[in-house]
Amino acid sequence: HSAASILFIGLARREGAPAVPGGIRGPVGRLAMRAL
């Protein structure tokens, strides 16, 4: 929700799934996304 209201497609992944490049990693990454 911003001036443009941009649609995103996201993937929820199973616990323990291998990390992928560009994914949100760890609690700090989640905190940053929640802030944005």
Full PDB file with SEQRES, HELIX, SHEET, SSBOND, CRYST1, ORIGX, SCALE, CONECT and MASTER records, all heavy atoms in Angstrom:
SEQRES   1 A   36  HIS SER ALA ALA SER ILE LEU PHE ILE GLY LEU ALA ARG          
SEQRES   2 A   36  ARG GLU GLY ALA PRO ALA VAL PRO GLY GLY ILE ARG GLY          
SEQRES   3 A   36  PRO VAL GLY ARG LEU ALA MET ARG ALA LEU                      
HELIX    1 AA1 GLY A   26  ALA A   35  1                                  10    
CRYST1    1.000    1.000    1.000  90.00  90.00  90.00 P 1           1          
ORIGX1      1.000000  0.000000  0.000000        0.00000                         
ORIGX2      0.000000  1.000000  0.000000        0.00000                         
ORIGX3      0.000000  0.000000  1.000000        0.00000                         
SCALE1      1.000000  0.000000  0.000000        0.00000                         
SCALE2      0.000000  1.000000  0.000000        0.00000                         
SCALE3      0.000000  0.000000  1.000000        0.00000                         
ATOM      1  N   HIS A   1       0.840  -1.192   0.000  1.00  0.00           N  
ATOM      2  CA  HIS A   1       0.000   0.000   0.000  1.00  0.00           C  
ATOM      3  C   HIS A   1       0.874   1.241   0.000  1.00  0.00           C  
ATOM      4  O   HIS A   1       1.496   1.587   0.992  1.00  0.00           O  
ATOM      5  CB  HIS A   1      -0.949  -0.004   1.199  1.00  0.00           C  
ATOM      6  CG  HIS A   1      -1.879  -1.167   1.169  1.00  0.00           C  
ATOM      7  ND1 HIS A   1      -2.838  -1.326   0.198  1.00  0.00           N  
ATOM      8  CD2 HIS A   1      -1.984  -2.256   1.960  1.00  0.00           C  
ATOM      9  CE1 HIS A   1      -3.509  -2.445   0.406  1.00  0.00           C  
ATOM     10  NE2 HIS A   1      -2.999  -3.031   1.477  1.00  0.00           N  
ATOM     11  N   SER A   2       0.928   1.857  -1.162  1.00  0.00           N  
ATOM     12  CA  SER A   2       1.673   3.096  -1.340  1.00  0.00           C  
ATOM     13  C   SER A   2       0.878   3.916  -2.347  1.00  0.00           C  
ATOM     14  O   SER A   2      -0.276   3.609  -2.618  1.00  0.00           O  
ATOM     15  CB  SER A   2       3.086   2.804  -1.861  1.00  0.00           C  
ATOM     16  OG  SER A   2       3.009   2.164  -3.123  1.00  0.00           O  
ATOM     17  N   ALA A   3       1.483   4.921  -2.906  1.00  0.00           N  
ATOM     18  CA  ALA A   3       0.783   5.735  -3.904  1.00  0.00           C  
ATOM     19  C   ALA A   3       0.337   4.879  -5.085  1.00  0.00           C  
ATOM     20  O   ALA A   3      -0.714   5.118  -5.676  1.00  0.00           O  
ATOM     21  CB  ALA A   3       1.674   6.869  -4.374  1.00  0.00           C  
ATOM     22  N   ALA A   4       1.124   3.858  -5.422  1.00  0.00           N  
ATOM     23  CA  ALA A   4       0.812   3.030  -6.585  1.00  0.00           C  
ATOM     24  C   ALA A   4       0.033   1.767  -6.242  1.00  0.00           C  
ATOM     25  O   ALA A   4      -0.527   1.146  -7.122  1.00  0.00           O  
ATOM     26  CB  ALA A   4       2.101   2.644  -7.299  1.00  0.00           C  
ATOM     27  N   SER A   5       0.002   1.342  -4.987  1.00  0.00           N  
ATOM     28  CA  SER A   5      -0.650   0.107  -4.562  1.00  0.00           C  
ATOM     29  C   SER A   5      -0.229  -1.064  -5.462  1.00  0.00           C  
ATOM     30  O   SER A   5      -0.989  -1.554  -6.268  1.00  0.00           O  
ATOM     31  CB  SER A   5      -2.169   0.268  -4.551  1.00  0.00           C  
ATOM     32  OG  SER A   5      -2.763  -0.883  -4.009  1.00  0.00           O  
ATOM     33  N   ILE A   6       0.990  -1.509  -5.294  1.00  0.00           N  
ATOM     34  CA  ILE A   6       1.602  -2.504  -6.177  1.00  0.00           C  
ATOM     35  C   ILE A   6       1.242  -3.918  -5.725  1.00  0.00           C  
ATOM     36  O   ILE A   6       1.387  -4.266  -4.559  1.00  0.00           O  
ATOM     37  CB  ILE A   6       3.131  -2.335  -6.183  1.00  0.00           C  
ATOM     38  CG1 ILE A   6       3.487  -0.928  -6.650  1.00  0.00           C  
ATOM     39  CG2 ILE A   6       3.794  -3.387  -7.051  1.00  0.00           C  
ATOM     40  CD1 ILE A   6       4.928  -0.551  -6.410  1.00  0.00           C  
ATOM     41  N   LEU A   7       0.786  -4.742  -6.682  1.00  0.00           N  
ATOM     42  CA  LEU A   7       0.485  -6.149  -6.418  1.00  0.00           C  
ATOM     43  C   LEU A   7       1.784  -6.949  -6.417  1.00  0.00           C  
ATOM     44  O   LEU A   7       2.635  -6.756  -7.283  1.00  0.00           O  
ATOM     45  CB  LEU A   7      -0.465  -6.702  -7.474  1.00  0.00           C  
ATOM     46  CG  LEU A   7      -0.813  -8.183  -7.365  1.00  0.00           C  
ATOM     47  CD1 LEU A   7      -1.635  -8.450  -6.104  1.00  0.00           C  
ATOM     48  CD2 LEU A   7      -1.567  -8.648  -8.591  1.00  0.00           C  
ATOM     49  N   PHE A   8       1.920  -7.845  -5.443  1.00  0.00           N  
ATOM     50  CA  PHE A   8       3.072  -8.743  -5.343  1.00  0.00           C  
ATOM     51  C   PHE A   8       2.571 -10.179  -5.370  1.00  0.00           C  
ATOM     52  O   PHE A   8       1.493 -10.475  -4.878  1.00  0.00           O  
ATOM     53  CB  PHE A   8       3.827  -8.531  -4.033  1.00  0.00           C  
ATOM     54  CG  PHE A   8       4.792  -7.389  -4.038  1.00  0.00           C  
ATOM     55  CD1 PHE A   8       4.331  -6.083  -3.974  1.00  0.00           C  
ATOM     56  CD2 PHE A   8       6.156  -7.615  -4.106  1.00  0.00           C  
ATOM     57  CE1 PHE A   8       5.216  -5.025  -3.964  1.00  0.00           C  
ATOM     58  CE2 PHE A   8       7.047  -6.557  -4.092  1.00  0.00           C  
ATOM     59  CZ  PHE A   8       6.575  -5.259  -4.026  1.00  0.00           C  
ATOM     60  N   ILE A   9       3.404 -11.069  -5.916  1.00  0.00           N  
ATOM     61  CA  ILE A   9       3.168 -12.499  -5.781  1.00  0.00           C  
ATOM     62  C   ILE A   9       4.305 -13.031  -4.916  1.00  0.00           C  
ATOM     63  O   ILE A   9       5.480 -12.735  -5.160  1.00  0.00           O  
ATOM     64  CB  ILE A   9       3.095 -13.233  -7.137  1.00  0.00           C  
ATOM     65  CG1 ILE A   9       2.839 -14.721  -6.919  1.00  0.00           C  
ATOM     66  CG2 ILE A   9       4.331 -12.985  -7.989  1.00  0.00           C  
ATOM     67  CD1 ILE A   9       2.462 -15.485  -8.172  1.00  0.00           C  
ATOM     68  N   GLY A  10       3.940 -13.750  -3.872  1.00  0.00           N  
ATOM     69  CA  GLY A  10       4.931 -14.277  -2.952  1.00  0.00           C  
ATOM     70  C   GLY A  10       4.762 -15.769  -2.760  1.00  0.00           C  
ATOM     71  O   GLY A  10       3.708 -16.329  -3.066  1.00  0.00           O  
ATOM     72  N   LEU A  11       5.811 -16.391  -2.251  1.00  0.00           N  
ATOM     73  CA  LEU A  11       5.774 -17.819  -1.977  1.00  0.00           C  
ATOM     74  C   LEU A  11       6.070 -18.054  -0.507  1.00  0.00           C  
ATOM     75  O   LEU A  11       7.079 -17.576   0.021  1.00  0.00           O  
ATOM     76  CB  LEU A  11       6.808 -18.562  -2.824  1.00  0.00           C  
ATOM     77  CG  LEU A  11       6.662 -18.431  -4.339  1.00  0.00           C  
ATOM     78  CD1 LEU A  11       7.806 -19.155  -5.042  1.00  0.00           C  
ATOM     79  CD2 LEU A  11       5.321 -18.952  -4.810  1.00  0.00           C  
ATOM     80  N   ALA A  12       5.168 -18.759   0.155  1.00  0.00           N  
ATOM     81  CA  ALA A  12       5.428 -19.243   1.507  1.00  0.00           C  
ATOM     82  C   ALA A  12       6.062 -20.617   1.334  1.00  0.00           C  
ATOM     83  O   ALA A  12       5.556 -21.451   0.581  1.00  0.00           O  
ATOM     84  CB  ALA A  12       4.133 -19.328   2.300  1.00  0.00           C  
ATOM     85  N   ARG A  13       7.174 -20.825   2.021  1.00  0.00           N  
ATOM     86  CA  ARG A  13       7.906 -22.076   1.843  1.00  0.00           C  
ATOM     87  C   ARG A  13       7.944 -22.865   3.135  1.00  0.00           C  
ATOM     88  O   ARG A  13       7.836 -22.302   4.220  1.00  0.00           O  
ATOM     89  CB  ARG A  13       9.322 -21.784   1.342  1.00  0.00           C  
ATOM     90  CG  ARG A  13       9.287 -21.078  -0.003  1.00  0.00           C  
ATOM     91  CD  ARG A  13      10.646 -20.798  -0.625  1.00  0.00           C  
ATOM     92  NE  ARG A  13      11.660 -20.408   0.301  1.00  0.00           N  
ATOM     93  CZ  ARG A  13      12.835 -21.038   0.443  1.00  0.00           C  
ATOM     94  NH1 ARG A  13      13.140 -22.083  -0.286  1.00  0.00           N  
ATOM     95  NH2 ARG A  13      13.726 -20.622   1.319  1.00  0.00           N  
ATOM     96  N   ARG A  14       8.118 -24.153   2.994  1.00  0.00           N  
ATOM     97  CA  ARG A  14       8.139 -25.038   4.156  1.00  0.00           C  
ATOM     98  C   ARG A  14       9.347 -24.738   5.026  1.00  0.00           C  
ATOM     99  O   ARG A  14      10.380 -24.253   4.550  1.00  0.00           O  
ATOM    100  CB  ARG A  14       8.135 -26.502   3.732  1.00  0.00           C  
ATOM    101  CG  ARG A  14       9.406 -26.960   3.090  1.00  0.00           C  
ATOM    102  CD  ARG A  14       9.424 -28.464   2.822  1.00  0.00           C  
ATOM    103  NE  ARG A  14      10.547 -28.814   1.982  1.00  0.00           N  
ATOM    104  CZ  ARG A  14      11.795 -28.921   2.403  1.00  0.00           C  
ATOM    105  NH1 ARG A  14      12.091 -28.705   3.668  1.00  0.00           N  
ATOM    106  NH2 ARG A  14      12.768 -29.233   1.568  1.00  0.00           N  
ATOM    107  N   GLU A  15       9.193 -25.009   6.310  1.00  0.00           N  
ATOM    108  CA  GLU A  15      10.288 -24.836   7.268  1.00  0.00           C  
ATOM    109  C   GLU A  15      11.444 -25.746   6.858  1.00  0.00           C  
ATOM    110  O   GLU A  15      11.234 -26.914   6.536  1.00  0.00           O  
ATOM    111  CB  GLU A  15       9.794 -25.207   8.669  1.00  0.00           C  
ATOM    112  CG  GLU A  15      10.719 -24.791   9.775  1.00  0.00           C  
ATOM    113  CD  GLU A  15      10.782 -23.286   9.958  1.00  0.00           C  
ATOM    114  OE1 GLU A  15       9.756 -22.617   9.768  1.00  0.00           O  
ATOM    115  OE2 GLU A  15      11.878 -22.791  10.271  1.00  0.00           O  
ATOM    116  N   GLY A  16      12.640 -25.215   6.825  1.00  0.00           N  
ATOM    117  CA  GLY A  16      13.812 -26.004   6.475  1.00  0.00           C  
ATOM    118  C   GLY A  16      14.100 -26.084   4.986  1.00  0.00           C  
ATOM    119  O   GLY A  16      15.043 -26.768   4.587  1.00  0.00           O  
ATOM    120  N   ALA A  17      13.304 -25.405   4.166  1.00  0.00           N  
ATOM    121  CA  ALA A  17      13.566 -25.397   2.721  1.00  0.00           C  
ATOM    122  C   ALA A  17      14.897 -24.695   2.465  1.00  0.00           C  
ATOM    123  O   ALA A  17      15.268 -23.770   3.193  1.00  0.00           O  
ATOM    124  CB  ALA A  17      12.447 -24.682   1.983  1.00  0.00           C  
ATOM    125  N   PRO A  18      15.638 -25.138   1.457  1.00  0.00           N  
ATOM    126  CA  PRO A  18      16.934 -24.519   1.187  1.00  0.00           C  
ATOM    127  C   PRO A  18      16.781 -23.025   0.885  1.00  0.00           C  
ATOM    128  O   PRO A  18      15.810 -22.611   0.255  1.00  0.00           O  
ATOM    129  CB  PRO A  18      17.463 -25.254  -0.044  1.00  0.00           C  
ATOM    130  CG  PRO A  18      16.534 -26.370  -0.305  1.00  0.00           C  
ATOM    131  CD  PRO A  18      15.321 -26.209   0.534  1.00  0.00           C  
ATOM    132  N   ALA A  19      17.745 -22.239   1.346  1.00  0.00           N  
ATOM    133  CA  ALA A  19      17.721 -20.798   1.090  1.00  0.00           C  
ATOM    134  C   ALA A  19      17.834 -20.543  -0.412  1.00  0.00           C  
ATOM    135  O   ALA A  19      18.475 -21.305  -1.137  1.00  0.00           O  
ATOM    136  CB  ALA A  19      18.870 -20.123   1.820  1.00  0.00           C  
ATOM    137  N   VAL A  20      17.190 -19.498  -0.854  1.00  0.00           N  
ATOM    138  CA  VAL A  20      17.267 -19.106  -2.264  1.00  0.00           C  
ATOM    139  C   VAL A  20      17.809 -17.682  -2.349  1.00  0.00           C  
ATOM    140  O   VAL A  20      17.586 -16.872  -1.457  1.00  0.00           O  
ATOM    141  CB  VAL A  20      15.889 -19.185  -2.963  1.00  0.00           C  
ATOM    142  CG1 VAL A  20      15.411 -20.602  -3.069  1.00  0.00           C  
ATOM    143  CG2 VAL A  20      14.877 -18.326  -2.258  1.00  0.00           C  
ATOM    144  N   PRO A  21      18.538 -17.376  -3.419  1.00  0.00           N  
ATOM    145  CA  PRO A  21      19.047 -16.020  -3.563  1.00  0.00           C  
ATOM    146  C   PRO A  21      17.890 -15.033  -3.659  1.00  0.00           C  
ATOM    147  O   PRO A  21      16.891 -15.300  -4.322  1.00  0.00           O  
ATOM    148  CB  PRO A  21      19.838 -16.049  -4.873  1.00  0.00           C  
ATOM    149  CG  PRO A  21      19.779 -17.435  -5.385  1.00  0.00           C  
ATOM    150  CD  PRO A  21      18.874 -18.234  -4.511  1.00  0.00           C  
ATOM    151  N   GLY A  22      18.008 -13.919  -2.998  1.00  0.00           N  
ATOM    152  CA  GLY A  22      16.954 -12.905  -3.060  1.00  0.00           C  
ATOM    153  C   GLY A  22      15.830 -13.118  -2.076  1.00  0.00           C  
ATOM    154  O   GLY A  22      14.922 -12.309  -1.978  1.00  0.00           O  
ATOM    155  N   GLY A  23      15.870 -14.214  -1.326  1.00  0.00           N  
ATOM    156  CA  GLY A  23      14.833 -14.473  -0.332  1.00  0.00           C  
ATOM    157  C   GLY A  23      15.095 -13.696   0.951  1.00  0.00           C  
ATOM    158  O   GLY A  23      16.201 -13.228   1.188  1.00  0.00           O  
ATOM    159  N   ILE A  24      14.075 -13.582   1.762  1.00  0.00           N  
ATOM    160  CA  ILE A  24      14.217 -12.900   3.047  1.00  0.00           C  
ATOM    161  C   ILE A  24      14.839 -13.894   4.016  1.00  0.00           C  
ATOM    162  O   ILE A  24      14.321 -14.994   4.195  1.00  0.00           O  
ATOM    163  CB  ILE A  24      12.850 -12.418   3.552  1.00  0.00           C  
ATOM    164  CG1 ILE A  24      12.281 -11.420   2.566  1.00  0.00           C  
ATOM    165  CG2 ILE A  24      12.966 -11.808   4.930  1.00  0.00           C  
ATOM    166  CD1 ILE A  24      10.831 -11.108   2.803  1.00  0.00           C  
ATOM    167  N   ARG A  25      15.938 -13.492   4.621  1.00  0.00           N  
ATOM    168  CA  ARG A  25      16.652 -14.412   5.504  1.00  0.00           C  
ATOM    169  C   ARG A  25      16.656 -13.895   6.934  1.00  0.00           C  
ATOM    170  O   ARG A  25      16.989 -12.745   7.179  1.00  0.00           O  
ATOM    171  CB  ARG A  25      18.083 -14.577   5.015  1.00  0.00           C  
ATOM    172  CG  ARG A  25      18.141 -15.255   3.677  1.00  0.00           C  
ATOM    173  CD  ARG A  25      19.565 -15.673   3.349  1.00  0.00           C  
ATOM    174  NE  ARG A  25      19.596 -16.191   2.007  1.00  0.00           N  
ATOM    175  CZ  ARG A  25      20.163 -15.584   0.979  1.00  0.00           C  
ATOM    176  NH1 ARG A  25      20.776 -14.452   1.142  1.00  0.00           N  
ATOM    177  NH2 ARG A  25      20.137 -16.129  -0.210  1.00  0.00           N  
ATOM    178  N   GLY A  26      16.303 -14.754   7.833  1.00  0.00           N  
ATOM    179  CA  GLY A  26      16.441 -14.488   9.251  1.00  0.00           C  
ATOM    180  C   GLY A  26      15.500 -13.438   9.819  1.00  0.00           C  
ATOM    181  O   GLY A  26      14.742 -12.802   9.104  1.00  0.00           O  
ATOM    182  N   PRO A  27      15.557 -13.265  11.119  1.00  0.00           N  
ATOM    183  CA  PRO A  27      14.663 -12.332  11.807  1.00  0.00           C  
ATOM    184  C   PRO A  27      14.905 -10.876  11.413  1.00  0.00           C  
ATOM    185  O   PRO A  27      13.982 -10.077  11.380  1.00  0.00           O  
ATOM    186  CB  PRO A  27      14.947 -12.571  13.295  1.00  0.00           C  
ATOM    187  CG  PRO A  27      16.187 -13.369  13.374  1.00  0.00           C  
ATOM    188  CD  PRO A  27      16.394 -14.015  12.044  1.00  0.00           C  
ATOM    189  N   VAL A  28      16.158 -10.515  11.110  1.00  0.00           N  
ATOM    190  CA  VAL A  28      16.452  -9.130  10.719  1.00  0.00           C  
ATOM    191  C   VAL A  28      15.802  -8.812   9.370  1.00  0.00           C  
ATOM    192  O   VAL A  28      15.216  -7.746   9.184  1.00  0.00           O  
ATOM    193  CB  VAL A  28      17.978  -8.882  10.673  1.00  0.00           C  
ATOM    194  CG1 VAL A  28      18.288  -7.504  10.128  1.00  0.00           C  
ATOM    195  CG2 VAL A  28      18.581  -9.056  12.048  1.00  0.00           C  
ATOM    196  N   GLY A  29      15.872  -9.757   8.442  1.00  0.00           N  
ATOM    197  CA  GLY A  29      15.229  -9.569   7.139  1.00  0.00           C  
ATOM    198  C   GLY A  29      13.721  -9.422   7.267  1.00  0.00           C  
ATOM    199  O   GLY A  29      13.101  -8.582   6.621  1.00  0.00           O  
ATOM    200  N   ARG A  30      13.116 -10.227   8.131  1.00  0.00           N  
ATOM    201  CA  ARG A  30      11.667 -10.133   8.351  1.00  0.00           C  
ATOM    202  C   ARG A  30      11.291  -8.806   9.005  1.00  0.00           C  
ATOM    203  O   ARG A  30      10.300  -8.197   8.664  1.00  0.00           O  
ATOM    204  CB  ARG A  30      11.189 -11.288   9.217  1.00  0.00           C  
ATOM    205  CG  ARG A  30      11.318 -12.607   8.519  1.00  0.00           C  
ATOM    206  CD  ARG A  30      10.315 -13.605   9.058  1.00  0.00           C  
ATOM    207  NE  ARG A  30      10.460 -14.848   8.331  1.00  0.00           N  
ATOM    208  CZ  ARG A  30       9.957 -15.066   7.119  1.00  0.00           C  
ATOM    209  NH1 ARG A  30       9.278 -14.150   6.506  1.00  0.00           N  
ATOM    210  NH2 ARG A  30      10.147 -16.230   6.526  1.00  0.00           N  
ATOM    211  N   LEU A  31      12.112  -8.355   9.939  1.00  0.00           N  
ATOM    212  CA  LEU A  31      11.865  -7.070  10.586  1.00  0.00           C  
ATOM    213  C   LEU A  31      11.934  -5.928   9.567  1.00  0.00           C  
ATOM    214  O   LEU A  31      11.105  -5.011   9.586  1.00  0.00           O  
ATOM    215  CB  LEU A  31      12.890  -6.834  11.699  1.00  0.00           C  
ATOM    216  CG  LEU A  31      12.302  -6.482  13.040  1.00  0.00           C  
ATOM    217  CD1 LEU A  31      11.900  -7.752  13.767  1.00  0.00           C  
ATOM    218  CD2 LEU A  31      13.287  -5.685  13.828  1.00  0.00           C  
ATOM    219  N   ALA A  32      12.918  -6.002   8.689  1.00  0.00           N  
ATOM    220  CA  ALA A  32      13.061  -4.967   7.652  1.00  0.00           C  
ATOM    221  C   ALA A  32      11.845  -4.963   6.726  1.00  0.00           C  
ATOM    222  O   ALA A  32      11.326  -3.896   6.373  1.00  0.00           O  
ATOM    223  CB  ALA A  32      14.337  -5.198   6.850  1.00  0.00           C  
ATOM    224  N   MET A  33      11.379  -6.150   6.335  1.00  0.00           N  
ATOM    225  CA  MET A  33      10.188  -6.213   5.467  1.00  0.00           C  
ATOM    226  C   MET A  33       8.964  -5.674   6.184  1.00  0.00           C  
ATOM    227  O   MET A  33       8.152  -4.985   5.597  1.00  0.00           O  
ATOM    228  CB  MET A  33       9.928  -7.638   4.997  1.00  0.00           C  
ATOM    229  CG  MET A  33      10.617  -8.007   3.715  1.00  0.00           C  
ATOM    230  SD  MET A  33      10.549  -6.786   2.395  1.00  0.00           S  
ATOM    231  CE  MET A  33       8.864  -6.804   1.905  1.00  0.00           C  
ATOM    232  N   ARG A  34       8.803  -5.994   7.442  1.00  0.00           N  
ATOM    233  CA  ARG A  34       7.658  -5.480   8.225  1.00  0.00           C  
ATOM    234  C   ARG A  34       7.719  -3.956   8.328  1.00  0.00           C  
ATOM    235  O   ARG A  34       6.694  -3.297   8.332  1.00  0.00           O  
ATOM    236  CB  ARG A  34       7.639  -6.096   9.618  1.00  0.00           C  
ATOM    237  CG  ARG A  34       7.251  -7.530   9.611  1.00  0.00           C  
ATOM    238  CD  ARG A  34       5.864  -7.707  10.212  1.00  0.00           C  
ATOM    239  NE  ARG A  34       5.536  -9.112  10.188  1.00  0.00           N  
ATOM    240  CZ  ARG A  34       4.612  -9.619   9.386  1.00  0.00           C  
ATOM    241  NH1 ARG A  34       3.928  -8.862   8.595  1.00  0.00           N  
ATOM    242  NH2 ARG A  34       4.371 -10.899   9.406  1.00  0.00           N  
ATOM    243  N   ALA A  35       8.935  -3.405   8.406  1.00  0.00           N  
ATOM    244  CA  ALA A  35       9.077  -1.953   8.469  1.00  0.00           C  
ATOM    245  C   ALA A  35       8.670  -1.312   7.145  1.00  0.00           C  
ATOM    246  O   ALA A  35       8.066  -0.245   7.110  1.00  0.00           O  
ATOM    247  CB  ALA A  35      10.507  -1.569   8.824  1.00  0.00           C  
ATOM    248  N   LEU A  36       8.997  -1.975   6.032  1.00  0.00           N  
ATOM    249  CA  LEU A  36       8.660  -1.438   4.717  1.00  0.00           C  
ATOM    250  C   LEU A  36       7.203  -1.679   4.354  1.00  0.00           C  
ATOM    251  O   LEU A  36       6.579  -0.847   3.695  1.00  0.00           O  
ATOM    252  CB  LEU A  36       9.563  -2.070   3.642  1.00  0.00           C  
ATOM    253  CG  LEU A  36      11.042  -1.728   3.760  1.00  0.00           C  
ATOM    254  CD1 LEU A  36      11.853  -2.572   2.792  1.00  0.00           C  
ATOM    255  CD2 LEU A  36      11.271  -0.253   3.518  1.00  0.00           C  
TER     256      LEU A  36                                                      
MASTER        0    0    0    1    0    0    0    6  255    1    0    3          
END                                                                             
